[in-house]
Amino acid sequence: MKKIKLFGECFKKGDTTNASENATCQVDVLAKVLQDKEFGEQFDNFMHGLYSFAKRHTYLSDARLKDENAIKNFLKNALSLLNTF
């Protein structure tokens, strides 16, 4: 139960005037991940899938950001597009 208290401290409730009544509390989800083995495996699978998707579809990789010609061409095209308006 110590871990659940730790999560509770991390996700203290703040201003709930605009909170949706249907929203799921993060503490409850994390507690269920720790307590329910099947749900924990599904959550782990979801997190790995989300990470894999983000890794495959990253558009801000180091190689792209270091390519000065690509950045210059992008800015040149963006300015050309703005000049057409």
PDB file of N, CA and C in Angstrom:
ATOM      1  N   MET A   1       0.812  -1.198   0.000  1.00  0.00           N
ATOM      2  CA  MET A   1       0.000   0.000   0.000  1.00  0.00           C
ATOM      3  C   MET A   1       0.855   1.262   0.000  1.00  0.00           C
ATOM      4  N   LYS A   2       2.137   1.132   0.327  1.00  0.00           N
ATOM      5  CA  LYS A   2       3.015   2.289   0.345  1.00  0.00           C
ATOM      6  C   LYS A   2       3.104   2.937  -1.032  1.00  0.00           C
ATOM      7  N   LYS A   3       3.171   2.092  -2.082  1.00  0.00           N
ATOM      8  CA  LYS A   3       3.280   2.616  -3.439  1.00  0.00           C
ATOM      9  C   LYS A   3       2.037   3.399  -3.815  1.00  0.00           C
ATOM     10  N   ILE A   4       0.877   2.920  -3.386  1.00  0.00           N
ATOM     11  CA  ILE A   4      -0.363   3.614  -3.709  1.00  0.00           C
ATOM     12  C   ILE A   4      -0.391   4.974  -3.027  1.00  0.00           C
ATOM     13  N   LYS A   5       0.101   5.064  -1.791  1.00  0.00           N
ATOM     14  CA  LYS A   5       0.167   6.350  -1.107  1.00  0.00           C
ATOM     15  C   LYS A   5       1.103   7.296  -1.845  1.00  0.00           C
ATOM     16  N   LEU A   6       2.193   6.768  -2.368  1.00  0.00           N
ATOM     17  CA  LEU A   6       3.136   7.576  -3.129  1.00  0.00           C
ATOM     18  C   LEU A   6       2.461   8.147  -4.371  1.00  0.00           C
ATOM     19  N   PHE A   7       1.702   7.305  -5.085  1.00  0.00           N
ATOM     20  CA  PHE A   7       0.979   7.793  -6.259  1.00  0.00           C
ATOM     21  C   PHE A   7      -0.056   8.834  -5.852  1.00  0.00           C
ATOM     22  N   GLY A   8      -0.675   8.622  -4.706  1.00  0.00           N
ATOM     23  CA  GLY A   8      -1.664   9.582  -4.216  1.00  0.00           C
ATOM     24  C   GLY A   8      -1.055  10.951  -3.992  1.00  0.00           C
ATOM     25  N   GLU A   9       0.172  10.984  -3.486  1.00  0.00           N
ATOM     26  CA  GLU A   9       0.864  12.248  -3.285  1.00  0.00           C
ATOM     27  C   GLU A   9       1.211  12.908  -4.618  1.00  0.00           C
ATOM     28  N   CYS A  10       1.540  12.106  -5.602  1.00  0.00           N
ATOM     29  CA  CYS A  10       1.909  12.647  -6.916  1.00  0.00           C
ATOM     30  C   CYS A  10       0.708  13.217  -7.655  1.00  0.00           C
ATOM     31  N   PHE A  11      -0.462  12.665  -7.409  1.00  0.00           N
ATOM     32  CA  PHE A  11      -1.659  13.076  -8.145  1.00  0.00           C
ATOM     33  C   PHE A  11      -2.710  13.644  -7.197  1.00  0.00           C
ATOM     34  N   LYS A  12      -2.318  14.576  -6.366  1.00  0.00           N
ATOM     35  CA  LYS A  12      -3.280  15.190  -5.449  1.00  0.00           C
ATOM     36  C   LYS A  12      -4.346  15.917  -6.251  1.00  0.00           C
ATOM     37  N   LYS A  13      -5.542  15.875  -5.726  1.00  0.00           N
ATOM     38  CA  LYS A  13      -6.640  16.559  -6.404  1.00  0.00           C
ATOM     39  C   LYS A  13      -6.462  18.054  -6.248  1.00  0.00           C
ATOM     40  N   GLY A  14      -6.676  18.759  -7.336  1.00  0.00           N
ATOM     41  CA  GLY A  14      -6.573  20.205  -7.323  1.00  0.00           C
ATOM     42  C   GLY A  14      -7.957  20.799  -7.449  1.00  0.00           C
ATOM     43  N   ASP A  15      -8.081  21.796  -8.282  1.00  0.00           N
ATOM     44  CA  ASP A  15      -9.363  22.448  -8.519  1.00  0.00           C
ATOM     45  C   ASP A  15     -10.248  21.504  -9.318  1.00  0.00           C
ATOM     46  N   THR A  16     -11.316  21.027  -8.721  1.00  0.00           N
ATOM     47  CA  THR A  16     -12.190  20.057  -9.389  1.00  0.00           C
ATOM     48  C   THR A  16     -13.468  20.693  -9.908  1.00  0.00           C
ATOM     49  N   THR A  17     -13.519  22.021  -9.981  1.00  0.00           N
ATOM     50  CA  THR A  17     -14.747  22.663 -10.450  1.00  0.00           C
ATOM     51  C   THR A  17     -15.003  22.372 -11.917  1.00  0.00           C
ATOM     52  N   ASN A  18     -13.950  22.193 -12.707  1.00  0.00           N
ATOM     53  CA  ASN A  18     -14.114  21.917 -14.134  1.00  0.00           C
ATOM     54  C   ASN A  18     -13.854  20.458 -14.476  1.00  0.00           C
ATOM     55  N   ALA A  19     -13.647  19.630 -13.476  1.00  0.00           N
ATOM     56  CA  ALA A  19     -13.329  18.221 -13.729  1.00  0.00           C
ATOM     57  C   ALA A  19     -14.577  17.469 -14.182  1.00  0.00           C
ATOM     58  N   SER A  20     -14.384  16.578 -15.118  1.00  0.00           N
ATOM     59  CA  SER A  20     -15.486  15.755 -15.605  1.00  0.00           C
ATOM     60  C   SER A  20     -15.788  14.665 -14.590  1.00  0.00           C
ATOM     61  N   GLU A  21     -17.058  14.413 -14.374  1.00  0.00           N
ATOM     62  CA  GLU A  21     -17.438  13.356 -13.437  1.00  0.00           C
ATOM     63  C   GLU A  21     -17.108  11.985 -13.998  1.00  0.00           C
ATOM     64  N   ASN A  22     -16.983  11.866 -15.318  1.00  0.00           N
ATOM     65  CA  ASN A  22     -16.701  10.587 -15.956  1.00  0.00           C
ATOM     66  C   ASN A  22     -15.211  10.307 -16.080  1.00  0.00           C
ATOM     67  N   ALA A  23     -14.366  11.246 -15.671  1.00  0.00           N
ATOM     68  CA  ALA A  23     -12.919  11.069 -15.806  1.00  0.00           C
ATOM     69  C   ALA A  23     -12.429   9.995 -14.842  1.00  0.00           C
ATOM     70  N   THR A  24     -11.437   9.230 -15.283  1.00  0.00           N
ATOM     71  CA  THR A  24     -10.850   8.181 -14.455  1.00  0.00           C
ATOM     72  C   THR A  24      -9.679   8.758 -13.673  1.00  0.00           C
ATOM     73  N   CYS A  25      -9.641   8.492 -12.408  1.00  0.00           N
ATOM     74  CA  CYS A  25      -8.564   8.976 -11.550  1.00  0.00           C
ATOM     75  C   CYS A  25      -7.282   8.198 -11.857  1.00  0.00           C
ATOM     76  N   GLN A  26      -6.171   8.907 -12.045  1.00  0.00           N
ATOM     77  CA  GLN A  26      -4.904   8.257 -12.357  1.00  0.00           C
ATOM     78  C   GLN A  26      -4.443   7.354 -11.229  1.00  0.00           C
ATOM     79  N   VAL A  27      -4.733   7.735  -9.995  1.00  0.00           N
ATOM     80  CA  VAL A  27      -4.325   6.924  -8.851  1.00  0.00           C
ATOM     81  C   VAL A  27      -5.008   5.567  -8.906  1.00  0.00           C
ATOM     82  N   ASP A  28      -6.297   5.560  -9.258  1.00  0.00           N
ATOM     83  CA  ASP A  28      -7.032   4.294  -9.344  1.00  0.00           C
ATOM     84  C   ASP A  28      -6.457   3.399 -10.433  1.00  0.00           C
ATOM     85  N   VAL A  29      -6.100   4.000 -11.566  1.00  0.00           N
ATOM     86  CA  VAL A  29      -5.528   3.215 -12.665  1.00  0.00           C
ATOM     87  C   VAL A  29      -4.195   2.613 -12.245  1.00  0.00           C
ATOM     88  N   LEU A  30      -3.327   3.423 -11.661  1.00  0.00           N
ATOM     89  CA  LEU A  30      -2.014   2.921 -11.247  1.00  0.00           C
ATOM     90  C   LEU A  30      -2.133   1.879 -10.137  1.00  0.00           C
ATOM     91  N   ALA A  31      -3.093   2.055  -9.240  1.00  0.00           N
ATOM     92  CA  ALA A  31      -3.308   1.057  -8.192  1.00  0.00           C
ATOM     93  C   ALA A  31      -3.769  -0.256  -8.803  1.00  0.00           C
ATOM     94  N   LYS A  32      -4.648  -0.172  -9.807  1.00  0.00           N
ATOM     95  CA  LYS A  32      -5.132  -1.390 -10.456  1.00  0.00           C
ATOM     96  C   LYS A  32      -4.002  -2.080 -11.220  1.00  0.00           C
ATOM     97  N   VAL A  33      -3.111  -1.293 -11.825  1.00  0.00           N
ATOM     98  CA  VAL A  33      -1.957  -1.867 -12.531  1.00  0.00           C
ATOM     99  C   VAL A  33      -1.100  -2.675 -11.564  1.00  0.00           C
ATOM    100  N   LEU A  34      -0.920  -2.149 -10.364  1.00  0.00           N
ATOM    101  CA  LEU A  34      -0.084  -2.831  -9.374  1.00  0.00           C
ATOM    102  C   LEU A  34      -0.771  -4.039  -8.741  1.00  0.00           C
ATOM    103  N   GLN A  35      -2.082  -4.008  -8.644  1.00  0.00           N
ATOM    104  CA  GLN A  35      -2.800  -5.067  -7.933  1.00  0.00           C
ATOM    105  C   GLN A  35      -3.321  -6.172  -8.842  1.00  0.00           C
ATOM    106  N   ASP A  36      -3.782  -5.831 -10.040  1.00  0.00           N
ATOM    107  CA  ASP A  36      -4.402  -6.804 -10.947  1.00  0.00           C
ATOM    108  C   ASP A  36      -3.386  -7.209 -12.013  1.00  0.00           C
ATOM    109  N   LYS A  37      -2.943  -8.460 -11.972  1.00  0.00           N
ATOM    110  CA  LYS A  37      -1.883  -8.924 -12.872  1.00  0.00           C
ATOM    111  C   LYS A  37      -2.314  -8.842 -14.341  1.00  0.00           C
ATOM    112  N   GLU A  38      -3.532  -9.278 -14.662  1.00  0.00           N
ATOM    113  CA  GLU A  38      -3.998  -9.257 -16.054  1.00  0.00           C
ATOM    114  C   GLU A  38      -4.101  -7.824 -16.574  1.00  0.00           C
ATOM    115  N   PHE A  39      -4.654  -6.929 -15.760  1.00  0.00           N
ATOM    116  CA  PHE A  39      -4.749  -5.529 -16.164  1.00  0.00           C
ATOM    117  C   PHE A  39      -3.356  -4.922 -16.308  1.00  0.00           C
ATOM    118  N   GLY A  40      -2.441  -5.307 -15.425  1.00  0.00           N
ATOM    119  CA  GLY A  40      -1.063  -4.819 -15.506  1.00  0.00           C
ATOM    120  C   GLY A  40      -0.391  -5.223 -16.805  1.00  0.00           C
ATOM    121  N   GLU A  41      -0.640  -6.460 -17.247  1.00  0.00           N
ATOM    122  CA  GLU A  41      -0.075  -6.924 -18.521  1.00  0.00           C
ATOM    123  C   GLU A  41      -0.683  -6.164 -19.697  1.00  0.00           C
ATOM    124  N   GLN A  42      -1.990  -5.916 -19.646  1.00  0.00           N
ATOM    125  CA  GLN A  42      -2.640  -5.156 -20.714  1.00  0.00           C
ATOM    126  C   GLN A  42      -2.123  -3.723 -20.749  1.00  0.00           C
ATOM    127  N   PHE A  43      -1.933  -3.129 -19.579  1.00  0.00           N
ATOM    128  CA  PHE A  43      -1.416  -1.772 -19.497  1.00  0.00           C
ATOM    129  C   PHE A  43       0.010  -1.707 -20.030  1.00  0.00           C
ATOM    130  N   ASP A  44       0.818  -2.708 -19.684  1.00  0.00           N
ATOM    131  CA  ASP A  44       2.195  -2.790 -20.176  1.00  0.00           C
ATOM    132  C   ASP A  44       2.210  -2.895 -21.699  1.00  0.00           C
ATOM    133  N   ASN A  45       1.335  -3.723 -22.244  1.00  0.00           N
ATOM    134  CA  ASN A  45       1.231  -3.878 -23.688  1.00  0.00           C
ATOM    135  C   ASN A  45       0.821  -2.557 -24.341  1.00  0.00           C
ATOM    136  N   PHE A  46      -0.138  -1.868 -23.737  1.00  0.00           N
ATOM    137  CA  PHE A  46      -0.576  -0.576 -24.259  1.00  0.00           C
ATOM    138  C   PHE A  46       0.567   0.434 -24.258  1.00  0.00           C
ATOM    139  N   MET A  47       1.318   0.499 -23.157  1.00  0.00           N
ATOM    140  CA  MET A  47       2.418   1.456 -23.060  1.00  0.00           C
ATOM    141  C   MET A  47       3.516   1.152 -24.077  1.00  0.00           C
ATOM    142  N   HIS A  48       3.809  -0.133 -24.285  1.00  0.00           N
ATOM    143  CA  HIS A  48       4.809  -0.499 -25.293  1.00  0.00           C
ATOM    144  C   HIS A  48       4.317  -0.142 -26.691  1.00  0.00           C
ATOM    145  N   GLY A  49       3.036  -0.356 -26.959  1.00  0.00           N
ATOM    146  CA  GLY A  49       2.466   0.009 -28.255  1.00  0.00           C
ATOM    147  C   GLY A  49       2.508   1.504 -28.486  1.00  0.00           C
ATOM    148  N   LEU A  50       2.187   2.270 -27.461  1.00  0.00           N
ATOM    149  CA  LEU A  50       2.214   3.723 -27.559  1.00  0.00           C
ATOM    150  C   LEU A  50       3.636   4.222 -27.805  1.00  0.00           C
ATOM    151  N   TYR A  51       4.596   3.650 -27.085  1.00  0.00           N
ATOM    152  CA  TYR A  51       6.000   4.023 -27.264  1.00  0.00           C
ATOM    153  C   TYR A  51       6.478   3.668 -28.672  1.00  0.00           C
ATOM    154  N   SER A  52       6.114   2.478 -29.155  1.00  0.00           N
ATOM    155  CA  SER A  52       6.524   2.048 -30.495  1.00  0.00           C
ATOM    156  C   SER A  52       5.942   2.958 -31.560  1.00  0.00           C
ATOM    157  N   PHE A  53       4.679   3.337 -31.405  1.00  0.00           N
ATOM    158  CA  PHE A  53       4.039   4.232 -32.367  1.00  0.00           C
ATOM    159  C   PHE A  53       4.749   5.582 -32.388  1.00  0.00           C
ATOM    160  N   ALA A  54       5.036   6.117 -31.204  1.00  0.00           N
ATOM    161  CA  ALA A  54       5.713   7.411 -31.126  1.00  0.00           C
ATOM    162  C   ALA A  54       7.114   7.329 -31.721  1.00  0.00           C
ATOM    163  N   LYS A  55       7.789   6.220 -31.486  1.00  0.00           N
ATOM    164  CA  LYS A  55       9.149   6.046 -32.014  1.00  0.00           C
ATOM    165  C   LYS A  55       9.139   5.950 -33.541  1.00  0.00           C
ATOM    166  N   ARG A  56       8.146   5.234 -34.093  1.00  0.00           N
ATOM    167  CA  ARG A  56       8.059   5.076 -35.550  1.00  0.00           C
ATOM    168  C   ARG A  56       7.687   6.375 -36.241  1.00  0.00           C
ATOM    169  N   HIS A  57       6.864   7.177 -35.592  1.00  0.00           N
ATOM    170  CA  HIS A  57       6.327   8.362 -36.248  1.00  0.00           C
ATOM    171  C   HIS A  57       6.936   9.658 -35.713  1.00  0.00           C
ATOM    172  N   THR A  58       8.164   9.592 -35.268  1.00  0.00           N
ATOM    173  CA  THR A  58       8.796  10.806 -34.774  1.00  0.00           C
ATOM    174  C   THR A  58       9.254  11.664 -35.949  1.00  0.00           C
ATOM    175  N   TYR A  59       8.934  12.920 -35.868  1.00  0.00           N
ATOM    176  CA  TYR A  59       9.325  13.847 -36.928  1.00  0.00           C
ATOM    177  C   TYR A  59      10.355  14.847 -36.432  1.00  0.00           C
ATOM    178  N   LEU A  60      10.789  14.698 -35.215  1.00  0.00           N
ATOM    179  CA  LEU A  60      11.785  15.596 -34.656  1.00  0.00           C
ATOM    180  C   LEU A  60      13.045  14.838 -34.260  1.00  0.00           C
ATOM    181  N   SER A  61      13.470  13.929 -35.100  1.00  0.00           N
ATOM    182  CA  SER A  61      14.656  13.142 -34.789  1.00  0.00           C
ATOM    183  C   SER A  61      15.910  14.006 -34.909  1.00  0.00           C
ATOM    184  N   ASP A  62      16.980  13.558 -34.283  1.00  0.00           N
ATOM    185  CA  ASP A  62      18.237  14.304 -34.329  1.00  0.00           C
ATOM    186  C   ASP A  62      18.733  14.484 -35.753  1.00  0.00           C
ATOM    187  N   ALA A  63      18.611  13.455 -36.575  1.00  0.00           N
ATOM    188  CA  ALA A  63      19.103  13.534 -37.952  1.00  0.00           C
ATOM    189  C   ALA A  63      18.368  14.617 -38.729  1.00  0.00           C
ATOM    190  N   ARG A  64      17.082  14.725 -38.529  1.00  0.00           N
ATOM    191  CA  ARG A  64      16.315  15.742 -39.251  1.00  0.00           C
ATOM    192  C   ARG A  64      16.607  17.141 -38.731  1.00  0.00           C
ATOM    193  N   LEU A  65      16.777  17.284 -37.418  1.00  0.00           N
ATOM    194  CA  LEU A  65      17.025  18.604 -36.863  1.00  0.00           C
ATOM    195  C   LEU A  65      18.424  19.104 -37.185  1.00  0.00           C
ATOM    196  N   LYS A  66      19.377  18.199 -37.393  1.00  0.00           N
ATOM    197  CA  LYS A  66      20.749  18.599 -37.688  1.00  0.00           C
ATOM    198  C   LYS A  66      20.970  18.881 -39.168  1.00  0.00           C
ATOM    199  N   ASP A  67      20.030  18.496 -40.008  1.00  0.00           N
ATOM    200  CA  ASP A  67      20.156  18.725 -41.444  1.00  0.00           C
ATOM    201  C   ASP A  67      19.757  20.170 -41.749  1.00  0.00           C
ATOM    202  N   GLU A  68      20.769  21.042 -41.878  1.00  0.00           N
ATOM    203  CA  GLU A  68      20.511  22.466 -42.070  1.00  0.00           C
ATOM    204  C   GLU A  68      19.833  22.752 -43.403  1.00  0.00           C
ATOM    205  N   ASN A  69      20.168  21.994 -44.441  1.00  0.00           N
ATOM    206  CA  ASN A  69      19.545  22.223 -45.741  1.00  0.00           C
ATOM    207  C   ASN A  69      18.045  21.968 -45.692  1.00  0.00           C
ATOM    208  N   ALA A  70      17.646  20.941 -44.986  1.00  0.00           N
ATOM    209  CA  ALA A  70      16.218  20.635 -44.873  1.00  0.00           C
ATOM    210  C   ALA A  70      15.492  21.759 -44.142  1.00  0.00           C
ATOM    211  N   ILE A  71      16.111  22.296 -43.089  1.00  0.00           N
ATOM    212  CA  ILE A  71      15.489  23.386 -42.338  1.00  0.00           C
ATOM    213  C   ILE A  71      15.410  24.641 -43.197  1.00  0.00           C
ATOM    214  N   LYS A  72      16.486  24.945 -43.920  1.00  0.00           N
ATOM    215  CA  LYS A  72      16.483  26.124 -44.794  1.00  0.00           C
ATOM    216  C   LYS A  72      15.434  25.988 -45.885  1.00  0.00           C
ATOM    217  N   ASN A  73      15.344  24.797 -46.487  1.00  0.00           N
ATOM    218  CA  ASN A  73      14.343  24.576 -47.529  1.00  0.00           C
ATOM    219  C   ASN A  73      12.927  24.687 -46.975  1.00  0.00           C
ATOM    220  N   PHE A  74      12.716  24.170 -45.780  1.00  0.00           N
ATOM    221  CA  PHE A  74      11.400  24.268 -45.155  1.00  0.00           C
ATOM    222  C   PHE A  74      11.016  25.728 -44.937  1.00  0.00           C
ATOM    223  N   LEU A  75      11.936  26.512 -44.368  1.00  0.00           N
ATOM    224  CA  LEU A  75      11.648  27.922 -44.125  1.00  0.00           C
ATOM    225  C   LEU A  75      11.442  28.685 -45.429  1.00  0.00           C
ATOM    226  N   LYS A  76      12.243  28.362 -46.438  1.00  0.00           N
ATOM    227  CA  LYS A  76      12.103  29.007 -47.746  1.00  0.00           C
ATOM    228  C   LYS A  76      10.727  28.714 -48.340  1.00  0.00           C
ATOM    229  N   ASN A  77      10.298  27.461 -48.267  1.00  0.00           N
ATOM    230  CA  ASN A  77       8.985  27.089 -48.790  1.00  0.00           C
ATOM    231  C   ASN A  77       7.858  27.716 -47.978  1.00  0.00           C
ATOM    232  N   ALA A  78       8.035  27.787 -46.664  1.00  0.00           N
ATOM    233  CA  ALA A  78       7.007  28.393 -45.816  1.00  0.00           C
ATOM    234  C   ALA A  78       6.856  29.876 -46.134  1.00  0.00           C
ATOM    235  N   LEU A  79       7.986  30.572 -46.325  1.00  0.00           N
ATOM    236  CA  LEU A  79       7.920  31.993 -46.666  1.00  0.00           C
ATOM    237  C   LEU A  79       7.334  32.201 -48.056  1.00  0.00           C
ATOM    238  N   SER A  80       7.663  31.330 -48.983  1.00  0.00           N
ATOM    239  CA  SER A  80       7.081  31.420 -50.324  1.00  0.00           C
ATOM    240  C   SER A  80       5.573  31.235 -50.267  1.00  0.00           C
ATOM    241  N   LEU A  81       5.129  30.317 -49.441  1.00  0.00           N
ATOM    242  CA  LEU A  81       3.696  30.087 -49.290  1.00  0.00           C
ATOM    243  C   LEU A  81       3.018  31.311 -48.690  1.00  0.00           C
ATOM    244  N   LEU A  82       3.661  31.931 -47.702  1.00  0.00           N
ATOM    245  CA  LEU A  82       3.082  33.130 -47.095  1.00  0.00           C
ATOM    246  C   LEU A  82       3.017  34.282 -48.087  1.00  0.00           C
ATOM    247  N   ASN A  83       3.982  34.356 -49.001  1.00  0.00           N
ATOM    248  CA  ASN A  83       3.988  35.428 -49.997  1.00  0.00           C
ATOM    249  C   ASN A  83       2.860  35.285 -51.006  1.00  0.00           C
ATOM    250  N   THR A  84       2.300  34.098 -51.140  1.00  0.00           N
ATOM    251  CA  THR A  84       1.212  33.914 -52.104  1.00  0.00           C
ATOM    252  C   THR A  84      -0.110  34.470 -51.590  1.00  0.00           C
ATOM    253  N   PHE A  85      -0.205  34.731 -50.280  1.00  0.00           N
ATOM    254  CA  PHE A  85      -1.468  35.252 -49.731  1.00  0.00           C
ATOM    255  C   PHE A  85      -1.577  36.705 -49.941  1.00  0.00           C
TER     256      PHE A  85
END
